[in-house]
Amino acid sequence: MTPQHPTSPPRRHALQALAATTASLWLGSSAHAQTQAHGGWQPSQNLTYVIGVAAGGSVDLYARGIKAALESLNLVNGHTVLPDNKPGAGGLLALQQLQRSRGNAHTLGTFHTGSIAGQVAGVLKADMRDYVPAAMMVEETTLVAVAADSPLKTARDLVAQLKRDPTSLKIAVAPLRGLNTHLAIAKPLKAAGVDVSKLTVVPFRSSGDSMVALLGGHVDIVSATAPTVVPQTANGKVRMLVSAAPERGTGPLANVPTWREQGVAADYVSYNGVLLAPGVDAEQIQFWETALKKVSESADWKALVEKSGNKPMFKGYVDSHRYLQAELKETQALVAALGTGGSL
């Protein structure tokens, strides 16, 4: 799959038509809505949930949480959702499996901001616009963490040091430069006047490895999502310096200031949700929107996400599609400033 230019007419026209069709389904008459509720597409066999990472981490956690809710809430017509972890090639292996399932709404995948960043950086050799984002369900918080004995006490201290010497601190990200954990710290630092093209960025295979490096004194800073950072603060060896979220979180994040509170007018939000195969139709999209919205409203799902340090939410296909298009453009500009990757 070769990435195409964002103005590629066939795809743009097809997506716009699909968005309009889906919107019309939602905004139709009550009689039409009742017809859809009792008819339309439904799963007729077991489903496959392709997860583009290894078991363990937040992406896998949320996918399995969605699977469990779909089954326990009886939203898949009595069928089973089978998780299928396909790590490798920056998520490409999972997307290729979705591609092979063209038009088949029995195959689900993970929709994640990191995939968009991977495409722009040239790490993910696929075009996310080929796929159908059914829903965004988790707003992920990315944190900057330091060792408890670090002389850096606030984000202002971090900015001041990096303005003096952008190379002076080793910043751990995962799994590669140019992806979401890198962008989440680079965006506010750039807004604060730091030359982000000169940062000493050290990529690790996983954010768990980044935290090990921090505890071992091999790096000075870690940028990672909340599910990785929060558990490491309990023993008092790690301190959360700042959050890239637009507003403060709750629970363990209630006392973590945002970049904006530290005088930097920037934030970086990652989203996690569900992706459908290319070629699915509006009726199939509507089924999954309805089912996933019910998942998002369930108490068990909300508890799972909140315990991980992130925020449960829901946006359906039209909003997710718009986000995908906008995020591609914004990320391209940021990656260009970092000098880390390719172009759309």
C-alpha atoms as a PDB file:
ATOM      1  CA  MET A   1       0.000   0.000   0.000  1.00  0.00           C
ATOM      2  CA  THR A   2       1.675   3.209  -1.146  1.00  0.00           C
ATOM      3  CA  PRO A   3       0.652   6.432   0.651  1.00  0.00           C
ATOM      4  CA  GLN A   4      -1.213   8.763  -1.682  1.00  0.00           C
ATOM      5  CA  HIS A   5      -1.397  12.529  -1.785  1.00  0.00           C
ATOM      6  CA  PRO A   6      -4.090  14.006   0.504  1.00  0.00           C
ATOM      7  CA  THR A   7      -5.874  15.498  -2.493  1.00  0.00           C
ATOM      8  CA  SER A   8      -6.223  12.138  -4.253  1.00  0.00           C
ATOM      9  CA  PRO A   9      -9.705  12.645  -5.790  1.00  0.00           C
ATOM     10  CA  PRO A  10     -11.035   9.052  -5.786  1.00  0.00           C
ATOM     11  CA  ARG A  11     -10.396   8.455  -2.092  1.00  0.00           C
ATOM     12  CA  ARG A  12     -11.427  11.932  -0.959  1.00  0.00           C
ATOM     13  CA  HIS A  13     -14.685  11.735  -2.896  1.00  0.00           C
ATOM     14  CA  ALA A  14     -15.424   8.241  -1.613  1.00  0.00           C
ATOM     15  CA  LEU A  15     -14.790   9.212   2.002  1.00  0.00           C
ATOM     16  CA  GLN A  16     -16.875  12.376   1.696  1.00  0.00           C
ATOM     17  CA  ALA A  17     -19.717  10.395   0.192  1.00  0.00           C
ATOM     18  CA  LEU A  18     -19.463   7.787   2.939  1.00  0.00           C
ATOM     19  CA  ALA A  19     -19.452  10.461   5.641  1.00  0.00           C
ATOM     20  CA  ALA A  20     -22.507  12.117   4.118  1.00  0.00           C
ATOM     21  CA  THR A  21     -24.319   8.782   3.837  1.00  0.00           C
ATOM     22  CA  THR A  22     -23.541   7.886   7.436  1.00  0.00           C
ATOM     23  CA  ALA A  23     -24.632  11.294   8.685  1.00  0.00           C
ATOM     24  CA  SER A  24     -27.905  10.985   6.797  1.00  0.00           C
ATOM     25  CA  LEU A  25     -28.548   7.637   8.462  1.00  0.00           C
ATOM     26  CA  TRP A  26     -28.146   9.193  11.876  1.00  0.00           C
ATOM     27  CA  LEU A  27     -30.255  12.224  11.042  1.00  0.00           C
ATOM     28  CA  GLY A  28     -33.087  10.354   9.342  1.00  0.00           C
ATOM     29  CA  SER A  29     -36.684  10.144  10.537  1.00  0.00           C
ATOM     30  CA  SER A  30     -37.645   8.185  13.640  1.00  0.00           C
ATOM     31  CA  ALA A  31     -39.409   5.637  11.426  1.00  0.00           C
ATOM     32  CA  HIS A  32     -36.185   5.057   9.489  1.00  0.00           C
ATOM     33  CA  ALA A  33     -34.270   4.736  12.781  1.00  0.00           C
ATOM     34  CA  GLN A  34     -36.719   2.111  14.016  1.00  0.00           C
ATOM     35  CA  THR A  35     -36.341   0.162  10.772  1.00  0.00           C
ATOM     36  CA  GLN A  36     -32.576   0.192  11.176  1.00  0.00           C
ATOM     37  CA  ALA A  37     -32.859  -0.886  14.814  1.00  0.00           C
ATOM     38  CA  HIS A  38     -34.776  -4.025  13.853  1.00  0.00           C
ATOM     39  CA  GLY A  39     -33.006  -4.805  10.579  1.00  0.00           C
ATOM     40  CA  GLY A  40     -29.810  -3.894   8.823  1.00  0.00           C
ATOM     41  CA  TRP A  41     -26.416  -5.530   9.096  1.00  0.00           C
ATOM     42  CA  GLN A  42     -25.538  -7.609  12.164  1.00  0.00           C
ATOM     43  CA  PRO A  43     -22.677 -10.032  12.882  1.00  0.00           C
ATOM     44  CA  SER A  44     -23.405 -13.481  11.501  1.00  0.00           C
ATOM     45  CA  GLN A  45     -20.198 -15.210  12.649  1.00  0.00           C
ATOM     46  CA  ASN A  46     -17.383 -14.881  15.159  1.00  0.00           C
ATOM     47  CA  LEU A  47     -15.340 -11.698  14.831  1.00  0.00           C
ATOM     48  CA  THR A  48     -11.606 -11.016  14.723  1.00  0.00           C
ATOM     49  CA  TYR A  49     -10.093  -8.055  16.573  1.00  0.00           C
ATOM     50  CA  VAL A  50      -6.672  -7.375  15.019  1.00  0.00           C
ATOM     51  CA  ILE A  51      -4.392  -5.631  17.536  1.00  0.00           C
ATOM     52  CA  GLY A  52      -1.249  -4.119  16.053  1.00  0.00           C
ATOM     53  CA  VAL A  53       0.906  -4.461  19.175  1.00  0.00           C
ATOM     54  CA  ALA A  54       2.073  -7.262  21.439  1.00  0.00           C
ATOM     55  CA  ALA A  55      -0.066  -8.261  24.413  1.00  0.00           C
ATOM     56  CA  GLY A  56       0.476  -6.028  27.390  1.00  0.00           C
ATOM     57  CA  GLY A  57       0.431  -2.180  26.898  1.00  0.00           C
ATOM     58  CA  SER A  58      -2.470   0.248  26.781  1.00  0.00           C
ATOM     59  CA  VAL A  59      -3.479  -0.407  23.143  1.00  0.00           C
ATOM     60  CA  ASP A  60      -3.908  -4.105  23.905  1.00  0.00           C
ATOM     61  CA  LEU A  61      -5.615  -3.345  27.234  1.00  0.00           C
ATOM     62  CA  TYR A  62      -8.297  -1.220  25.588  1.00  0.00           C
ATOM     63  CA  ALA A  63      -8.872  -3.602  22.679  1.00  0.00           C
ATOM     64  CA  ARG A  64      -9.466  -6.469  25.071  1.00  0.00           C
ATOM     65  CA  GLY A  65     -11.701  -4.250  27.200  1.00  0.00           C
ATOM     66  CA  ILE A  66     -13.825  -3.470  24.134  1.00  0.00           C
ATOM     67  CA  LYS A  67     -13.957  -7.177  23.242  1.00  0.00           C
ATOM     68  CA  ALA A  68     -15.127  -8.071  26.749  1.00  0.00           C
ATOM     69  CA  ALA A  69     -17.818  -5.384  26.736  1.00  0.00           C
ATOM     70  CA  LEU A  70     -19.124  -6.317  23.280  1.00  0.00           C
ATOM     71  CA  GLU A  71     -19.639  -9.870  24.505  1.00  0.00           C
ATOM     72  CA  SER A  72     -20.897  -9.183  28.032  1.00  0.00           C
ATOM     73  CA  LEU A  73     -23.394  -6.580  26.808  1.00  0.00           C
ATOM     74  CA  ASN A  74     -24.572  -9.001  24.093  1.00  0.00           C
ATOM     75  CA  LEU A  75     -23.840  -6.529  21.304  1.00  0.00           C
ATOM     76  CA  VAL A  76     -22.472  -8.985  18.717  1.00  0.00           C
ATOM     77  CA  ASN A  77     -25.493 -11.217  18.178  1.00  0.00           C
ATOM     78  CA  GLY A  78     -24.196 -13.977  20.455  1.00  0.00           C
ATOM     79  CA  HIS A  79     -20.864 -14.376  18.669  1.00  0.00           C
ATOM     80  CA  THR A  80     -17.327 -14.310  20.057  1.00  0.00           C
ATOM     81  CA  VAL A  81     -14.729 -11.585  19.455  1.00  0.00           C
ATOM     82  CA  LEU A  82     -11.305 -13.210  18.988  1.00  0.00           C
ATOM     83  CA  PRO A  83      -8.250 -11.015  19.765  1.00  0.00           C
ATOM     84  CA  ASP A  84      -5.404 -11.434  17.275  1.00  0.00           C
ATOM     85  CA  ASN A  85      -2.190  -9.609  18.198  1.00  0.00           C
ATOM     86  CA  LYS A  86      -0.189  -8.705  15.087  1.00  0.00           C
ATOM     87  CA  PRO A  87       2.795  -6.631  16.260  1.00  0.00           C
ATOM     88  CA  GLY A  88       5.495  -5.530  13.878  1.00  0.00           C
ATOM     89  CA  ALA A  89       6.386  -3.095  11.088  1.00  0.00           C
ATOM     90  CA  GLY A  90       5.010  -0.137  13.046  1.00  0.00           C
ATOM     91  CA  GLY A  91       1.481  -1.564  12.921  1.00  0.00           C
ATOM     92  CA  LEU A  92       1.601  -2.421   9.222  1.00  0.00           C
ATOM     93  CA  LEU A  93       1.015  -6.152   9.718  1.00  0.00           C
ATOM     94  CA  ALA A  94      -2.292  -5.499  11.456  1.00  0.00           C
ATOM     95  CA  LEU A  95      -3.384  -3.024   8.784  1.00  0.00           C
ATOM     96  CA  GLN A  96      -2.512  -5.503   6.048  1.00  0.00           C
ATOM     97  CA  GLN A  97      -4.809  -8.043   7.668  1.00  0.00           C
ATOM     98  CA  LEU A  98      -7.595  -5.435   7.699  1.00  0.00           C
ATOM     99  CA  GLN A  99      -6.847  -4.703   4.055  1.00  0.00           C
ATOM    100  CA  ARG A 100      -7.269  -8.395   3.217  1.00  0.00           C
ATOM    101  CA  SER A 101     -10.668  -8.246   4.947  1.00  0.00           C
ATOM    102  CA  ARG A 102     -11.940  -5.526   2.618  1.00  0.00           C
ATOM    103  CA  GLY A 103     -15.701  -5.058   2.962  1.00  0.00           C
ATOM    104  CA  ASN A 104     -15.875  -7.486   5.895  1.00  0.00           C
ATOM    105  CA  ALA A 105     -17.256  -5.827   9.021  1.00  0.00           C
ATOM    106  CA  HIS A 106     -16.494  -8.964  11.053  1.00  0.00           C
ATOM    107  CA  THR A 107     -12.886  -7.774  11.333  1.00  0.00           C
ATOM    108  CA  LEU A 108     -12.006  -4.955  13.730  1.00  0.00           C
ATOM    109  CA  GLY A 109      -8.734  -3.100  14.183  1.00  0.00           C
ATOM    110  CA  THR A 110      -7.279  -0.427  16.429  1.00  0.00           C
ATOM    111  CA  PHE A 111      -7.586   3.248  15.522  1.00  0.00           C
ATOM    112  CA  HIS A 112      -4.809   5.191  17.233  1.00  0.00           C
ATOM    113  CA  THR A 113      -3.171   8.593  16.901  1.00  0.00           C
ATOM    114  CA  GLY A 114       0.202   6.846  16.881  1.00  0.00           C
ATOM    115  CA  SER A 115      -0.627   5.276  13.507  1.00  0.00           C
ATOM    116  CA  ILE A 116      -1.259   8.709  12.020  1.00  0.00           C
ATOM    117  CA  ALA A 117       2.087   9.927  13.343  1.00  0.00           C
ATOM    118  CA  GLY A 118       3.742   6.772  12.015  1.00  0.00           C
ATOM    119  CA  GLN A 119       2.385   7.393   8.523  1.00  0.00           C
ATOM    120  CA  VAL A 120       3.590  10.993   8.467  1.00  0.00           C
ATOM    121  CA  ALA A 121       7.008  10.043   9.833  1.00  0.00           C
ATOM    122  CA  GLY A 122       7.355   7.393   7.127  1.00  0.00           C
ATOM    123  CA  VAL A 123       7.550   4.582   9.694  1.00  0.00           C
ATOM    124  CA  LEU A 124       4.156   3.100   8.821  1.00  0.00           C
ATOM    125  CA  LYS A 125       4.110   2.239   5.128  1.00  0.00           C
ATOM    126  CA  ALA A 126       0.347   2.561   4.792  1.00  0.00           C
ATOM    127  CA  ASP A 127      -2.232   5.281   4.325  1.00  0.00           C
ATOM    128  CA  MET A 128      -4.663   5.573   7.233  1.00  0.00           C
ATOM    129  CA  ARG A 129      -7.187   7.185   4.874  1.00  0.00           C
ATOM    130  CA  ASP A 130      -7.688   3.762   3.270  1.00  0.00           C
ATOM    131  CA  TYR A 131      -9.418   2.589   6.467  1.00  0.00           C
ATOM    132  CA  VAL A 132     -12.637   3.493   8.258  1.00  0.00           C
ATOM    133  CA  PRO A 133     -12.387   4.943  11.798  1.00  0.00           C
ATOM    134  CA  ALA A 134     -15.615   3.739  13.430  1.00  0.00           C
ATOM    135  CA  ALA A 135     -15.145   5.428  16.801  1.00  0.00           C
ATOM    136  CA  MET A 136     -12.720   7.133  19.183  1.00  0.00           C
ATOM    137  CA  MET A 137     -13.227   5.873  22.731  1.00  0.00           C
ATOM    138  CA  VAL A 138     -10.223   6.869  24.859  1.00  0.00           C
ATOM    139  CA  GLU A 139      -8.549  10.238  25.265  1.00  0.00           C
ATOM    140  CA  GLU A 140      -4.984   9.425  26.224  1.00  0.00           C
ATOM    141  CA  THR A 141      -2.842  11.604  28.460  1.00  0.00           C
ATOM    142  CA  THR A 142       0.876  11.793  27.730  1.00  0.00           C
ATOM    143  CA  LEU A 143       3.090  12.736  30.653  1.00  0.00           C
ATOM    144  CA  VAL A 144       6.639  13.956  31.120  1.00  0.00           C
ATOM    145  CA  ALA A 145       8.292  12.056  33.960  1.00  0.00           C
ATOM    146  CA  VAL A 146      11.614  12.495  35.731  1.00  0.00           C
ATOM    147  CA  ALA A 147      13.425  10.625  38.493  1.00  0.00           C
ATOM    148  CA  ALA A 148      12.393  11.709  41.980  1.00  0.00           C
ATOM    149  CA  ASP A 149      15.812  13.257  42.635  1.00  0.00           C
ATOM    150  CA  SER A 150      15.895  15.214  39.349  1.00  0.00           C
ATOM    151  CA  PRO A 151      16.812  18.909  39.692  1.00  0.00           C
ATOM    152  CA  LEU A 152      13.958  19.649  37.277  1.00  0.00           C
ATOM    153  CA  LYS A 153      10.967  20.514  39.448  1.00  0.00           C
ATOM    154  CA  THR A 154       8.595  22.043  36.890  1.00  0.00           C
ATOM    155  CA  ALA A 155       8.017  22.232  33.152  1.00  0.00           C
ATOM    156  CA  ARG A 156       9.403  25.762  33.319  1.00  0.00           C
ATOM    157  CA  ASP A 157      12.707  24.333  34.568  1.00  0.00           C
ATOM    158  CA  LEU A 158      12.695  21.873  31.667  1.00  0.00           C
ATOM    159  CA  VAL A 159      12.041  24.600  29.104  1.00  0.00           C
ATOM    160  CA  ALA A 160      14.707  26.892  30.566  1.00  0.00           C
ATOM    161  CA  GLN A 161      17.398  24.195  30.430  1.00  0.00           C
ATOM    162  CA  LEU A 162      16.543  23.107  26.906  1.00  0.00           C
ATOM    163  CA  LYS A 163      16.522  26.702  25.683  1.00  0.00           C
ATOM    164  CA  ARG A 164      20.052  27.067  27.036  1.00  0.00           C
ATOM    165  CA  ASP A 165      21.165  23.767  25.507  1.00  0.00           C
ATOM    166  CA  PRO A 166      18.644  21.611  23.563  1.00  0.00           C
ATOM    167  CA  THR A 167      21.073  18.674  23.621  1.00  0.00           C
ATOM    168  CA  SER A 168      21.629  18.657  27.393  1.00  0.00           C
ATOM    169  CA  LEU A 169      18.926  16.151  28.395  1.00  0.00           C
ATOM    170  CA  LYS A 170      18.330  12.617  27.159  1.00  0.00           C
ATOM    171  CA  ILE A 171      14.617  12.220  26.384  1.00  0.00           C
ATOM    172  CA  ALA A 172      13.210   8.681  26.159  1.00  0.00           C
ATOM    173  CA  VAL A 173      10.335   7.947  23.762  1.00  0.00           C
ATOM    174  CA  ALA A 174       8.864   4.722  22.351  1.00  0.00           C
ATOM    175  CA  PRO A 175       8.883   2.907  20.089  1.00  0.00           C
ATOM    176  CA  LEU A 176      10.440   5.296  17.536  1.00  0.00           C
ATOM    177  CA  ARG A 177      11.264   8.934  16.944  1.00  0.00           C
ATOM    178  CA  GLY A 178       8.473  10.863  15.269  1.00  0.00           C
ATOM    179  CA  LEU A 179       5.606   8.930  16.860  1.00  0.00           C
ATOM    180  CA  ASN A 180       3.070  10.137  19.404  1.00  0.00           C
ATOM    181  CA  THR A 181       5.177  10.004  22.580  1.00  0.00           C
ATOM    182  CA  HIS A 182       7.859  12.025  20.784  1.00  0.00           C
ATOM    183  CA  LEU A 183       5.389  14.529  19.335  1.00  0.00           C
ATOM    184  CA  ALA A 184       3.650  14.947  22.697  1.00  0.00           C
ATOM    185  CA  ILE A 185       6.750  16.486  24.245  1.00  0.00           C
ATOM    186  CA  ALA A 186       8.122  18.139  21.101  1.00  0.00           C
ATOM    187  CA  LYS A 187       4.959  20.117  20.358  1.00  0.00           C
ATOM    188  CA  PRO A 188       4.887  22.071  23.658  1.00  0.00           C
ATOM    189  CA  LEU A 189       8.662  22.477  23.712  1.00  0.00           C
ATOM    190  CA  LYS A 190       8.510  23.955  20.210  1.00  0.00           C
ATOM    191  CA  ALA A 191       5.711  26.298  21.310  1.00  0.00           C
ATOM    192  CA  ALA A 192       7.901  27.358  24.239  1.00  0.00           C
ATOM    193  CA  GLY A 193      10.756  28.354  21.917  1.00  0.00           C
ATOM    194  CA  VAL A 194      13.020  25.298  22.187  1.00  0.00           C
ATOM    195  CA  ASP A 195      14.874  24.209  19.035  1.00  0.00           C
ATOM    196  CA  VAL A 196      13.277  20.753  18.904  1.00  0.00           C
ATOM    197  CA  SER A 197      15.367  19.658  15.912  1.00  0.00           C
ATOM    198  CA  LYS A 198      18.398  19.516  18.254  1.00  0.00           C
ATOM    199  CA  LEU A 199      16.849  17.500  21.100  1.00  0.00           C
ATOM    200  CA  THR A 200      18.647  14.353  22.274  1.00  0.00           C
ATOM    201  CA  VAL A 201      15.835  11.855  21.729  1.00  0.00           C
ATOM    202  CA  VAL A 202      16.469   8.224  22.673  1.00  0.00           C
ATOM    203  CA  PRO A 203      13.950   5.695  21.302  1.00  0.00           C
ATOM    204  CA  PHE A 204      13.169   2.505  23.216  1.00  0.00           C
ATOM    205  CA  ARG A 205      11.236  -0.580  22.137  1.00  0.00           C
ATOM    206  CA  SER A 206       8.458   0.187  24.620  1.00  0.00           C
ATOM    207  CA  SER A 207       7.559   2.843  27.171  1.00  0.00           C
ATOM    208  CA  GLY A 208       8.160   0.215  29.842  1.00  0.00           C
ATOM    209  CA  ASP A 209      11.780   0.079  28.668  1.00  0.00           C
ATOM    210  CA  SER A 210      11.891   3.889  28.779  1.00  0.00           C
ATOM    211  CA  MET A 211      10.879   3.803  32.440  1.00  0.00           C
ATOM    212  CA  VAL A 212      13.549   1.204  33.235  1.00  0.00           C
ATOM    213  CA  ALA A 213      16.135   3.473  31.602  1.00  0.00           C
ATOM    214  CA  LEU A 214      14.919   6.420  33.685  1.00  0.00           C
ATOM    215  CA  LEU A 215      15.139   4.445  36.922  1.00  0.00           C
ATOM    216  CA  GLY A 216      18.614   3.284  35.932  1.00  0.00           C
ATOM    217  CA  GLY A 217      19.819   6.834  35.331  1.00  0.00           C
ATOM    218  CA  HIS A 218      20.400   6.269  31.607  1.00  0.00           C
ATOM    219  CA  VAL A 219      17.996   9.022  30.507  1.00  0.00           C
ATOM    220  CA  ASP A 220      16.824  12.246  32.136  1.00  0.00           C
ATOM    221  CA  ILE A 221      13.257  12.506  30.836  1.00  0.00           C
ATOM    222  CA  VAL A 222      10.543  10.085  29.774  1.00  0.00           C
ATOM    223  CA  SER A 223       7.568  10.974  27.578  1.00  0.00           C
ATOM    224  CA  ALA A 224       4.924   8.235  27.836  1.00  0.00           C
ATOM    225  CA  THR A 225       1.194   7.720  28.240  1.00  0.00           C
ATOM    226  CA  ALA A 226      -0.414   7.562  31.659  1.00  0.00           C
ATOM    227  CA  PRO A 227      -0.856   3.766  31.974  1.00  0.00           C
ATOM    228  CA  THR A 228       2.937   3.369  31.860  1.00  0.00           C
ATOM    229  CA  VAL A 229       3.918   6.312  34.055  1.00  0.00           C
ATOM    230  CA  VAL A 230       1.299   6.296  36.804  1.00  0.00           C
ATOM    231  CA  PRO A 231       2.167   2.872  38.311  1.00  0.00           C
ATOM    232  CA  GLN A 232       5.841   3.845  38.513  1.00  0.00           C
ATOM    233  CA  THR A 233       5.092   6.854  40.721  1.00  0.00           C
ATOM    234  CA  ALA A 234       3.686   4.750  43.572  1.00  0.00           C
ATOM    235  CA  ASN A 235       7.129   3.772  44.874  1.00  0.00           C
ATOM    236  CA  GLY A 236       8.262   7.403  45.029  1.00  0.00           C
ATOM    237  CA  LYS A 237      11.135   6.951  42.575  1.00  0.00           C
ATOM    238  CA  VAL A 238       9.470   8.749  39.662  1.00  0.00           C
ATOM    239  CA  ARG A 239       7.832  12.155  39.544  1.00  0.00           C
ATOM    240  CA  MET A 240       5.255  13.364  36.985  1.00  0.00           C
ATOM    241  CA  LEU A 241       6.379  16.779  35.814  1.00  0.00           C
ATOM    242  CA  VAL A 242       3.656  17.892  33.388  1.00  0.00           C
ATOM    243  CA  SER A 243       0.731  16.604  31.351  1.00  0.00           C
ATOM    244  CA  ALA A 244       0.101  17.261  27.643  1.00  0.00           C
ATOM    245  CA  ALA A 245      -3.674  17.086  28.186  1.00  0.00           C
ATOM    246  CA  PRO A 246      -5.764  20.240  27.674  1.00  0.00           C
ATOM    247  CA  GLU A 247      -6.933  20.118  31.305  1.00  0.00           C
ATOM    248  CA  ARG A 248      -5.964  18.378  34.522  1.00  0.00           C
ATOM    249  CA  GLY A 249      -6.950  14.781  34.999  1.00  0.00           C
ATOM    250  CA  THR A 250      -8.514  13.111  37.996  1.00  0.00           C
ATOM    251  CA  GLY A 251      -7.306  10.580  40.545  1.00  0.00           C
ATOM    252  CA  PRO A 252      -3.517  10.155  40.342  1.00  0.00           C
ATOM    253  CA  LEU A 253      -3.310  12.934  37.739  1.00  0.00           C
ATOM    254  CA  ALA A 254      -5.221  15.539  39.743  1.00  0.00           C
ATOM    255  CA  ASN A 255      -2.000  17.155  41.005  1.00  0.00           C
ATOM    256  CA  VAL A 256      -0.135  17.060  37.691  1.00  0.00           C
ATOM    257  CA  PRO A 257      -0.158  20.489  35.989  1.00  0.00           C
ATOM    258  CA  THR A 258      -0.718  20.858  32.266  1.00  0.00           C
ATOM    259  CA  TRP A 259       1.672  22.585  29.898  1.00  0.00           C
ATOM    260  CA  ARG A 260      -0.806  25.464  29.666  1.00  0.00           C
ATOM    261  CA  GLU A 261      -0.716  25.898  33.431  1.00  0.00           C
ATOM    262  CA  GLN A 262       3.060  26.129  33.125  1.00  0.00           C
ATOM    263  CA  GLY A 263       2.771  28.983  30.644  1.00  0.00           C
ATOM    264  CA  VAL A 264       3.071  26.988  27.388  1.00  0.00           C
ATOM    265  CA  ALA A 265       0.071  27.347  25.063  1.00  0.00           C
ATOM    266  CA  ALA A 266       0.080  23.808  23.657  1.00  0.00           C
ATOM    267  CA  ASP A 267      -1.311  20.372  24.311  1.00  0.00           C
ATOM    268  CA  TYR A 268      -1.186  16.988  22.602  1.00  0.00           C
ATOM    269  CA  VAL A 269      -4.035  14.517  22.821  1.00  0.00           C
ATOM    270  CA  SER A 270      -3.894  10.940  21.554  1.00  0.00           C
ATOM    271  CA  TYR A 271      -7.019   8.939  20.827  1.00  0.00           C
ATOM    272  CA  ASN A 272      -7.651   5.213  20.867  1.00  0.00           C
ATOM    273  CA  GLY A 273     -10.623   3.554  19.231  1.00  0.00           C
ATOM    274  CA  VAL A 274     -11.816   1.087  16.622  1.00  0.00           C
ATOM    275  CA  LEU A 275     -10.927   0.859  12.935  1.00  0.00           C
ATOM    276  CA  LEU A 276     -12.891  -1.011  10.266  1.00  0.00           C
ATOM    277  CA  ALA A 277     -11.656  -2.556   7.048  1.00  0.00           C
ATOM    278  CA  PRO A 278     -11.731  -0.617   3.768  1.00  0.00           C
ATOM    279  CA  GLY A 279     -14.901  -1.057   1.745  1.00  0.00           C
ATOM    280  CA  VAL A 280     -17.411  -1.461   4.571  1.00  0.00           C
ATOM    281  CA  ASP A 281     -20.745   0.232   3.890  1.00  0.00           C
ATOM    282  CA  ALA A 282     -22.745   2.831   5.821  1.00  0.00           C
ATOM    283  CA  GLU A 283     -25.060   0.236   7.347  1.00  0.00           C
ATOM    284  CA  GLN A 284     -22.096  -1.680   8.800  1.00  0.00           C
ATOM    285  CA  ILE A 285     -20.542   1.530  10.107  1.00  0.00           C
ATOM    286  CA  GLN A 286     -23.816   2.444  11.782  1.00  0.00           C
ATOM    287  CA  PHE A 287     -24.011  -0.954  13.490  1.00  0.00           C
ATOM    288  CA  TRP A 288     -20.542  -0.521  14.954  1.00  0.00           C
ATOM    289  CA  GLU A 289     -21.159   3.087  15.982  1.00  0.00           C
ATOM    290  CA  THR A 290     -24.241   2.015  17.920  1.00  0.00           C
ATOM    291  CA  ALA A 291     -22.532  -0.974  19.550  1.00  0.00           C
ATOM    292  CA  LEU A 292     -19.386   0.944  20.487  1.00  0.00           C
ATOM    293  CA  LYS A 293     -21.368   3.831  21.932  1.00  0.00           C
ATOM    294  CA  LYS A 294     -23.056   1.330  24.267  1.00  0.00           C
ATOM    295  CA  VAL A 295     -19.622   0.014  25.229  1.00  0.00           C
ATOM    296  CA  SER A 296     -18.466   3.560  25.979  1.00  0.00           C
ATOM    297  CA  GLU A 297     -21.414   4.054  28.337  1.00  0.00           C
ATOM    298  CA  SER A 298     -20.863   0.875  30.350  1.00  0.00           C
ATOM    299  CA  ALA A 299     -19.597   1.129  33.919  1.00  0.00           C
ATOM    300  CA  ASP A 300     -16.949  -1.588  33.487  1.00  0.00           C
ATOM    301  CA  TRP A 301     -15.446   0.122  30.437  1.00  0.00           C
ATOM    302  CA  LYS A 302     -15.327   3.519  32.146  1.00  0.00           C
ATOM    303  CA  ALA A 303     -13.685   1.986  35.215  1.00  0.00           C
ATOM    304  CA  LEU A 304     -11.050   0.243  33.072  1.00  0.00           C
ATOM    305  CA  VAL A 305     -10.067   3.440  31.260  1.00  0.00           C
ATOM    306  CA  GLU A 306     -10.103   5.654  34.355  1.00  0.00           C
ATOM    307  CA  LYS A 307      -7.997   3.177  36.328  1.00  0.00           C
ATOM    308  CA  SER A 308      -5.375   3.345  33.574  1.00  0.00           C
ATOM    309  CA  GLY A 309      -5.131   7.117  34.039  1.00  0.00           C
ATOM    310  CA  ASN A 310      -6.927   8.048  30.819  1.00  0.00           C
ATOM    311  CA  LYS A 311     -10.338   9.504  29.967  1.00  0.00           C
ATOM    312  CA  PRO A 312     -13.263   7.523  28.515  1.00  0.00           C
ATOM    313  CA  MET A 313     -15.134   9.337  25.727  1.00  0.00           C
ATOM    314  CA  PHE A 314     -16.970   8.665  22.474  1.00  0.00           C
ATOM    315  CA  LYS A 315     -16.931  10.141  18.988  1.00  0.00           C
ATOM    316  CA  GLY A 316     -18.505   8.272  16.087  1.00  0.00           C
ATOM    317  CA  TYR A 317     -17.479   7.823  12.469  1.00  0.00           C
ATOM    318  CA  VAL A 318     -18.056  11.348  11.139  1.00  0.00           C
ATOM    319  CA  ASP A 319     -16.095  13.041  13.946  1.00  0.00           C
ATOM    320  CA  SER A 320     -13.390  10.366  13.849  1.00  0.00           C
ATOM    321  CA  HIS A 321     -13.041  10.765  10.089  1.00  0.00           C
ATOM    322  CA  ARG A 322     -12.691  14.538  10.429  1.00  0.00           C
ATOM    323  CA  TYR A 323     -10.111  14.081  13.187  1.00  0.00           C
ATOM    324  CA  LEU A 324      -8.083  11.701  11.003  1.00  0.00           C
ATOM    325  CA  GLN A 325      -7.922  14.223   8.166  1.00  0.00           C
ATOM    326  CA  ALA A 326      -7.060  17.170  10.429  1.00  0.00           C
ATOM    327  CA  GLU A 327      -4.480  15.243  12.458  1.00  0.00           C
ATOM    328  CA  LEU A 328      -2.637  14.154   9.321  1.00  0.00           C
ATOM    329  CA  LYS A 329      -2.136  17.785   8.283  1.00  0.00           C
ATOM    330  CA  GLU A 330      -1.147  19.022  11.760  1.00  0.00           C
ATOM    331  CA  THR A 331       1.249  16.143  12.350  1.00  0.00           C
ATOM    332  CA  GLN A 332       2.921  16.693   8.982  1.00  0.00           C
ATOM    333  CA  ALA A 333       3.814  20.252  10.021  1.00  0.00           C
ATOM    334  CA  LEU A 334       5.147  19.124  13.414  1.00  0.00           C
ATOM    335  CA  VAL A 335       7.184  16.225  12.013  1.00  0.00           C
ATOM    336  CA  ALA A 336       8.683  18.580   9.420  1.00  0.00           C
ATOM    337  CA  ALA A 337       9.834  20.866  12.236  1.00  0.00           C
ATOM    338  CA  LEU A 338      11.444  17.902  14.006  1.00  0.00           C
ATOM    339  CA  GLY A 339      13.207  16.775  10.846  1.00  0.00           C
ATOM    340  CA  THR A 340      12.300  13.147  11.615  1.00  0.00           C
ATOM    341  CA  GLY A 341      10.229  11.865   8.765  1.00  0.00           C
ATOM    342  CA  GLY A 342       8.605  11.830   5.403  1.00  0.00           C
ATOM    343  CA  SER A 343       5.562  13.462   3.947  1.00  0.00           C
ATOM    344  CA  LEU A 344       2.041  12.514   2.993  1.00  0.00           C
END
